[in-house]
Amino acid sequence: MATVTLYHYVTDKKYENIVKERSLVPSAPFNSKIPKEEWKDYAGKFPFLVARLYTCSFLESEPQSWKDYGLFELLMDEFAGGDHLLELTFSEEEKDLFLVRDHSFHSPKKYNLLPQEWRKREMRDSRPGLREAWYQSTTSLKDYDGSFICPEVLIPCPIPLDKIRVIK
């Protein structure tokens, strides 16, 4: 059976919680700017099911493009911590549930800012068109053609412990 392998970074604390709960639960919002009461209309704009929360992952263990676009360090500092690199393994059929979007639209490089400047919330919010292009770039992983600069894979369901392996 063919498999799909994805990668996800976590802190020690988050990994302890994964072991305790026996799964990795989605916690990253697809678009935190959309109020809950407007979600149904917003999600209906996509030709596939879009959930409010996801686990964000990578197609490769150390995505160079994320480093080149100033995103990787921000992810490690603000969200993932990088204490552990997890390998997530799914069946080919399961990838029908997953989405992928191009994070390069919403990056320091695209905003023409140094990463430390882009980290400021007001700077990240200064170009709503680029942020929206990031959301609108979303496609189903099964239909993804490999063309994104900084692909971000979105998993909308809990990932059981038996699909998770610590590789670093």
Protein backbone atom coordinates (compact mmCIF):
# COMPACT_ATOMS: atom_id res chain seq x y z
CA MET A 1 0.00 0.00 0.00
CA ALA A 2 1.33 3.44 -0.93
CA THR A 3 1.90 5.90 1.89
CA VAL A 4 2.19 9.64 2.30
CA THR A 5 4.88 10.94 4.65
CA LEU A 6 4.66 14.42 6.16
CA TYR A 7 6.72 16.24 8.79
CA HIS A 8 5.75 18.33 11.79
CA TYR A 9 7.83 20.08 14.47
CA VAL A 10 6.75 20.28 18.12
CA THR A 11 8.03 21.46 21.48
CA ASP A 12 8.78 19.03 24.31
CA LYS A 13 5.58 20.12 26.04
CA LYS A 14 3.43 19.54 22.97
CA TYR A 15 5.00 16.12 22.41
CA GLU A 16 4.28 15.15 26.03
CA ASN A 17 0.66 16.13 25.41
CA ILE A 18 0.54 14.04 22.21
CA VAL A 19 1.74 10.99 24.16
CA LYS A 20 -0.73 11.68 26.98
CA GLU A 21 -3.68 12.18 24.61
CA ARG A 22 -2.42 9.46 22.22
CA SER A 23 -2.93 11.83 19.27
CA LEU A 24 -1.94 15.14 17.74
CA VAL A 25 -5.02 17.36 17.61
CA PRO A 26 -5.42 20.18 15.05
CA SER A 27 -4.94 23.61 16.64
CA ALA A 28 -3.89 26.02 13.87
CA PRO A 29 -6.74 28.11 12.41
CA PHE A 30 -7.20 28.05 8.64
CA ASN A 31 -8.02 31.78 8.71
CA SER A 32 -8.22 33.39 12.14
CA LYS A 33 -9.55 36.63 10.60
CA ILE A 34 -12.94 35.06 9.77
CA PRO A 35 -15.47 35.33 12.63
CA LYS A 36 -17.19 32.07 13.58
CA GLU A 37 -20.60 33.34 12.41
CA GLU A 38 -19.16 34.04 8.93
CA TRP A 39 -17.27 30.76 8.63
CA LYS A 40 -19.87 28.80 6.65
CA ASP A 41 -20.07 31.44 3.91
CA TYR A 42 -16.29 31.83 3.76
CA ALA A 43 -15.61 28.08 3.65
CA GLY A 44 -18.21 27.72 0.88
CA LYS A 45 -15.94 29.70 -1.47
CA PHE A 46 -13.61 26.70 -1.75
CA PRO A 47 -14.42 23.74 -4.03
CA PHE A 48 -13.53 21.29 -1.21
CA LEU A 49 -14.23 20.99 2.49
CA VAL A 50 -12.34 23.56 4.60
CA ALA A 51 -12.20 23.09 8.38
CA ARG A 52 -11.56 25.81 10.96
CA LEU A 53 -8.54 24.03 12.56
CA TYR A 54 -5.63 22.06 11.12
CA THR A 55 -2.26 20.58 11.96
CA CYS A 56 0.26 22.25 9.65
CA SER A 57 2.99 20.05 8.25
CA PHE A 58 5.65 19.85 5.56
CA LEU A 59 6.32 17.63 2.56
CA GLU A 60 10.01 17.46 3.55
CA SER A 61 11.77 17.38 6.91
CA GLU A 62 13.76 20.60 6.48
CA PRO A 63 12.03 22.75 3.85
CA GLN A 64 14.73 25.00 2.42
CA SER A 65 12.18 27.25 0.72
CA TRP A 66 10.67 28.07 4.13
CA LYS A 67 14.14 29.15 5.28
CA ASP A 68 14.71 31.17 2.09
CA TYR A 69 11.41 33.02 2.54
CA GLY A 70 12.04 33.81 6.23
CA LEU A 71 9.25 31.55 7.49
CA PHE A 72 11.07 28.65 9.11
CA GLU A 73 12.73 30.57 11.93
CA LEU A 74 9.45 32.33 12.72
CA LEU A 75 7.67 28.98 12.88
CA MET A 76 10.30 27.58 15.24
CA ASP A 77 10.35 30.66 17.48
CA GLU A 78 6.64 31.36 17.71
CA PHE A 79 4.90 28.04 17.25
CA ALA A 80 6.78 24.77 16.83
CA GLY A 81 9.86 25.16 18.99
CA GLY A 82 11.69 22.51 17.02
CA ASP A 83 12.43 20.27 20.01
CA HIS A 84 11.18 17.25 18.05
CA LEU A 85 10.64 16.49 14.38
CA LEU A 86 7.76 14.10 13.84
CA GLU A 87 7.26 11.91 10.81
CA LEU A 88 3.55 11.45 10.08
CA THR A 89 2.58 8.51 7.88
CA PHE A 90 -0.79 8.13 6.16
CA SER A 91 -2.32 5.88 3.57
CA GLU A 92 -2.65 7.27 0.05
CA GLU A 93 -6.45 7.37 0.50
CA GLU A 94 -6.19 9.56 3.61
CA LYS A 95 -4.55 12.40 1.68
CA ASP A 96 -7.99 13.13 0.16
CA LEU A 97 -8.74 14.88 3.48
CA PHE A 98 -5.62 17.07 3.39
CA LEU A 99 -5.13 20.49 1.86
CA VAL A 100 -1.97 22.30 0.77
CA ARG A 101 -1.40 26.04 0.36
CA ASP A 102 1.54 28.24 -0.60
CA HIS A 103 2.84 30.10 2.44
CA SER A 104 5.25 32.11 0.27
CA PHE A 105 2.45 34.65 -0.33
CA HIS A 106 2.40 35.43 3.39
CA SER A 107 6.15 35.67 4.05
CA PRO A 108 8.83 38.26 4.85
CA LYS A 109 10.30 37.87 1.36
CA LYS A 110 6.99 38.55 -0.41
CA TYR A 111 6.37 41.59 1.82
CA ASN A 112 9.92 42.84 1.09
CA LEU A 113 10.71 42.95 4.81
CA LEU A 114 13.42 41.49 6.99
CA PRO A 115 12.07 38.58 9.06
CA GLN A 116 12.43 40.54 12.32
CA GLU A 117 10.30 43.38 10.86
CA TRP A 118 7.70 41.01 9.43
CA ARG A 119 7.28 39.38 12.86
CA LYS A 120 5.46 42.47 14.08
CA ARG A 121 1.72 41.81 13.87
CA GLU A 122 1.02 45.19 12.23
CA MET A 123 3.49 44.36 9.46
CA ARG A 124 2.01 40.90 8.86
CA ASP A 125 -1.40 42.53 8.64
CA SER A 126 -0.22 45.35 6.35
CA ARG A 127 -0.85 43.52 3.06
CA PRO A 128 -4.26 41.81 3.30
CA GLY A 129 -4.14 40.97 -0.41
CA LEU A 130 -1.06 38.80 0.06
CA ARG A 131 -2.56 37.15 3.14
CA GLU A 132 -5.73 36.38 1.17
CA ALA A 133 -3.66 35.04 -1.77
CA TRP A 134 -2.13 32.59 0.72
CA TYR A 135 -5.59 31.37 1.76
CA GLN A 136 -6.87 31.30 -1.82
CA SER A 137 -3.89 29.25 -3.02
CA THR A 138 -5.33 26.28 -1.11
CA THR A 139 -5.93 23.09 -3.03
CA SER A 140 -6.53 19.46 -2.18
CA LEU A 141 -3.31 17.52 -1.57
CA LYS A 142 -4.55 14.83 -3.97
CA ASP A 143 -4.72 17.50 -6.72
CA TYR A 144 -1.49 19.29 -5.77
CA ASP A 145 0.94 19.53 -8.71
CA GLY A 146 4.10 20.38 -6.74
CA SER A 147 4.26 23.99 -7.93
CA PHE A 148 4.11 25.88 -4.60
CA ILE A 149 7.21 27.68 -3.36
CA CYS A 150 6.53 27.10 0.36
CA PRO A 151 3.99 24.28 0.54
CA GLU A 152 2.15 23.94 3.84
CA VAL A 153 0.09 20.75 4.24
CA LEU A 154 -3.04 21.07 6.38
CA ILE A 155 -4.40 18.03 8.24
CA PRO A 156 -7.97 18.57 9.59
CA CYS A 157 -8.26 15.54 11.86
CA PRO A 158 -6.52 14.17 14.95
CA ILE A 159 -3.44 12.12 14.11
CA PRO A 160 -3.26 8.94 16.21
CA LEU A 161 -0.02 8.10 17.96
CA ASP A 162 0.49 5.02 15.78
CA LYS A 163 0.91 7.30 12.73
CA ILE A 164 3.57 9.41 14.48
CA ARG A 165 7.28 8.64 14.74
CA VAL A 166 9.87 10.91 16.34
CA ILE A 167 12.83 11.20 13.98
CA LYS A 168 14.73 14.01 15.73
